[in-house]
C-alpha atoms as a PDB file:
ATOM      1  CA  UNK A   1      -7.456 -19.630  -8.739  1.00  0.00           C
ATOM      2  CA  UNK A   2      -3.993 -18.480  -7.318  1.00  0.00           C
ATOM      3  CA  UNK A   3      -3.535 -14.388  -6.687  1.00  0.00           C
ATOM      4  CA  UNK A   4      -0.882 -12.367  -5.328  1.00  0.00           C
ATOM      5  CA  UNK A   5      -2.041  -9.100  -3.384  1.00  0.00           C
ATOM      6  CA  UNK A   6       0.293  -6.623  -1.545  1.00  0.00           C
ATOM      7  CA  UNK A   7      -1.063  -5.331   1.312  1.00  0.00           C
ATOM      8  CA  UNK A   8      -1.222  -1.350   1.865  1.00  0.00           C
ATOM      9  CA  UNK A   9      -1.586   0.485   5.253  1.00  0.00           C
ATOM     10  CA  UNK A  10      -1.191  -1.326   9.135  1.00  0.00           C
ATOM     11  CA  UNK A  11      -5.116  -2.166  10.085  1.00  0.00           C
ATOM     12  CA  UNK A  12      -3.597  -5.992  10.001  1.00  0.00           C
ATOM     13  CA  UNK A  13      -0.570  -5.749  11.637  1.00  0.00           C
ATOM     14  CA  UNK A  14       1.203  -7.505  13.263  1.00  0.00           C
ATOM     15  CA  UNK A  15      -0.028 -10.101  11.127  1.00  0.00           C
ATOM     16  CA  UNK A  16       0.932  -8.387   7.975  1.00  0.00           C
ATOM     17  CA  UNK A  17       2.787  -5.284   7.146  1.00  0.00           C
ATOM     18  CA  UNK A  18       2.526  -2.414   4.597  1.00  0.00           C
ATOM     19  CA  UNK A  19       4.357  -4.155   1.988  1.00  0.00           C
ATOM     20  CA  UNK A  20       3.778  -7.850   2.682  1.00  0.00           C
ATOM     21  CA  UNK A  21       2.512  -9.672  -0.656  1.00  0.00           C
ATOM     22  CA  UNK A  22      -0.334 -12.438   0.394  1.00  0.00           C
ATOM     23  CA  UNK A  23      -1.258 -15.690  -1.347  1.00  0.00           C
ATOM     24  CA  UNK A  24      -4.913 -16.068  -2.341  1.00  0.00           C
ATOM     25  CA  UNK A  25      -7.126 -18.841  -3.079  1.00  0.00           C
ATOM     26  CA  UNK A  26     -10.345 -19.433  -3.619  1.00  0.00           C
ATOM     27  CA  UNK A  27     -11.975 -20.083  -0.454  1.00  0.00           C
ATOM     28  CA  UNK A  28     -13.657 -23.647  -0.069  1.00  0.00           C
ATOM     29  CA  UNK A  29     -14.684 -23.086   3.480  1.00  0.00           C
ATOM     30  CA  UNK A  30     -14.876 -20.324   5.970  1.00  0.00           C
ATOM     31  CA  UNK A  31     -14.969 -19.760   9.717  1.00  0.00           C
ATOM     32  CA  UNK A  32     -14.111 -17.593  12.660  1.00  0.00           C
ATOM     33  CA  UNK A  33     -10.349 -16.797  12.168  1.00  0.00           C
ATOM     34  CA  UNK A  34      -9.875 -17.465   8.789  1.00  0.00           C
ATOM     35  CA  UNK A  35      -8.071 -14.112   6.843  1.00  0.00           C
ATOM     36  CA  UNK A  36      -9.691 -13.285   3.481  1.00  0.00           C
ATOM     37  CA  UNK A  37      -9.865 -10.845   1.153  1.00  0.00           C
ATOM     38  CA  UNK A  38     -13.223  -9.336   0.192  1.00  0.00           C
ATOM     39  CA  UNK A  39     -14.557  -6.628  -2.120  1.00  0.00           C
ATOM     40  CA  UNK A  40     -16.149  -4.421   0.907  1.00  0.00           C
ATOM     41  CA  UNK A  41     -18.916  -2.482  -0.261  1.00  0.00           C
ATOM     42  CA  UNK A  42     -17.746   1.019   1.864  1.00  0.00           C
ATOM     43  CA  UNK A  43     -13.920   0.059   1.914  1.00  0.00           C
ATOM     44  CA  UNK A  44     -13.162  -1.657  -1.775  1.00  0.00           C
ATOM     45  CA  UNK A  45     -11.100  -4.885  -2.059  1.00  0.00           C
ATOM     46  CA  UNK A  46      -9.418  -5.408   1.669  1.00  0.00           C
ATOM     47  CA  UNK A  47      -8.039  -8.215   3.466  1.00  0.00           C
ATOM     48  CA  UNK A  48      -9.327  -8.825   7.463  1.00  0.00           C
ATOM     49  CA  UNK A  49      -9.898 -11.435   9.513  1.00  0.00           C
ATOM     50  CA  UNK A  50     -13.528 -13.630  10.147  1.00  0.00           C
ATOM     51  CA  UNK A  51     -14.799 -13.258  13.268  1.00  0.00           C
ATOM     52  CA  UNK A  52     -18.149 -14.591  12.738  1.00  0.00           C
ATOM     53  CA  UNK A  53     -19.979 -16.692  10.135  1.00  0.00           C
ATOM     54  CA  UNK A  54     -23.731 -16.436   9.145  1.00  0.00           C
ATOM     55  CA  UNK A  55     -25.002 -18.670   6.117  1.00  0.00           C
ATOM     56  CA  UNK A  56     -25.440 -15.358   3.943  1.00  0.00           C
ATOM     57  CA  UNK A  57     -22.702 -13.148   5.278  1.00  0.00           C
ATOM     58  CA  UNK A  58     -19.714 -12.724   7.183  1.00  0.00           C
ATOM     59  CA  UNK A  59     -18.484 -10.284   9.921  1.00  0.00           C
ATOM     60  CA  UNK A  60     -14.960  -9.191   9.235  1.00  0.00           C
ATOM     61  CA  UNK A  61     -12.304  -7.201  11.611  1.00  0.00           C
ATOM     62  CA  UNK A  62      -8.626  -5.844  11.362  1.00  0.00           C
ATOM     63  CA  UNK A  63      -5.489  -7.716  13.526  1.00  0.00           C
ATOM     64  CA  UNK A  64      -4.043  -3.985  14.295  1.00  0.00           C
ATOM     65  CA  UNK A  65      -5.172  -1.267  16.728  1.00  0.00           C
ATOM     66  CA  UNK A  66      -5.193   0.840  13.253  1.00  0.00           C
ATOM     67  CA  UNK A  67      -8.174  -1.060  11.385  1.00  0.00           C
ATOM     68  CA  UNK A  68     -11.322   0.827  11.109  1.00  0.00           C
ATOM     69  CA  UNK A  69     -14.171  -0.031  13.985  1.00  0.00           C
ATOM     70  CA  UNK A  70     -15.975  -3.285  13.675  1.00  0.00           C
ATOM     71  CA  UNK A  71     -19.289  -1.199  13.816  1.00  0.00           C
ATOM     72  CA  UNK A  72     -18.324   0.147  10.551  1.00  0.00           C
ATOM     73  CA  UNK A  73     -17.270  -2.922   8.895  1.00  0.00           C
ATOM     74  CA  UNK A  74     -20.807  -4.623   9.489  1.00  0.00           C
ATOM     75  CA  UNK A  75     -21.560  -8.030   7.842  1.00  0.00           C
ATOM     76  CA  UNK A  76     -20.097  -8.430   4.109  1.00  0.00           C
ATOM     77  CA  UNK A  77     -22.203 -11.017   2.105  1.00  0.00           C
ATOM     78  CA  UNK A  78     -20.670 -14.535   0.782  1.00  0.00           C
ATOM     79  CA  UNK A  79     -20.970 -13.307  -2.569  1.00  0.00           C
ATOM     80  CA  UNK A  80     -18.301 -10.520  -1.963  1.00  0.00           C
ATOM     81  CA  UNK A  81     -15.621 -12.985  -1.254  1.00  0.00           C
ATOM     82  CA  UNK A  82     -12.319 -13.029  -3.222  1.00  0.00           C
ATOM     83  CA  UNK A  83     -10.514 -15.747  -1.403  1.00  0.00           C
ATOM     84  CA  UNK A  84      -8.666 -16.748   1.413  1.00  0.00           C
ATOM     85  CA  UNK A  85      -5.042 -15.964   2.169  1.00  0.00           C
ATOM     86  CA  UNK A  86      -2.682 -18.715   2.594  1.00  0.00           C
ATOM     87  CA  UNK A  87       0.327 -17.416   2.807  1.00  0.00           C
ATOM     88  CA  UNK A  88       2.438 -14.266   3.056  1.00  0.00           C
ATOM     89  CA  UNK A  89       5.411 -13.436   1.890  1.00  0.00           C
ATOM     90  CA  UNK A  90       7.465 -10.684   4.230  1.00  0.00           C
ATOM     91  CA  UNK A  91      11.063  -9.587   4.256  1.00  0.00           C
ATOM     92  CA  UNK A  92      11.694 -12.128   7.128  1.00  0.00           C
ATOM     93  CA  UNK A  93      10.628 -15.093   5.025  1.00  0.00           C
ATOM     94  CA  UNK A  94       7.310 -16.904   4.085  1.00  0.00           C
ATOM     95  CA  UNK A  95       5.076 -17.250   7.059  1.00  0.00           C
ATOM     96  CA  UNK A  96       1.579 -19.795   6.887  1.00  0.00           C
ATOM     97  CA  UNK A  97      -1.506 -19.175   7.686  1.00  0.00           C
END
């Protein structure tokens, strides 16, 4: 599975900017620090960084100060994981993660 998504908003700045495109692939493993695409039960499909992982869920956070608070993000079930961000296409060029 390979998918492209467009960043909307500034919650992951400075890592990603509004309008950047992200290459998403299937996530075989998940670790702290990975950036993932997830279908959040409250916020819909979002891109966030993994703060921690358990056997059943991930705790997420945004990179920017405009991100939703950690308390609001809570743990998201692993079954809601849509993929891992591998590459960003920005006006400055490609950015590998």
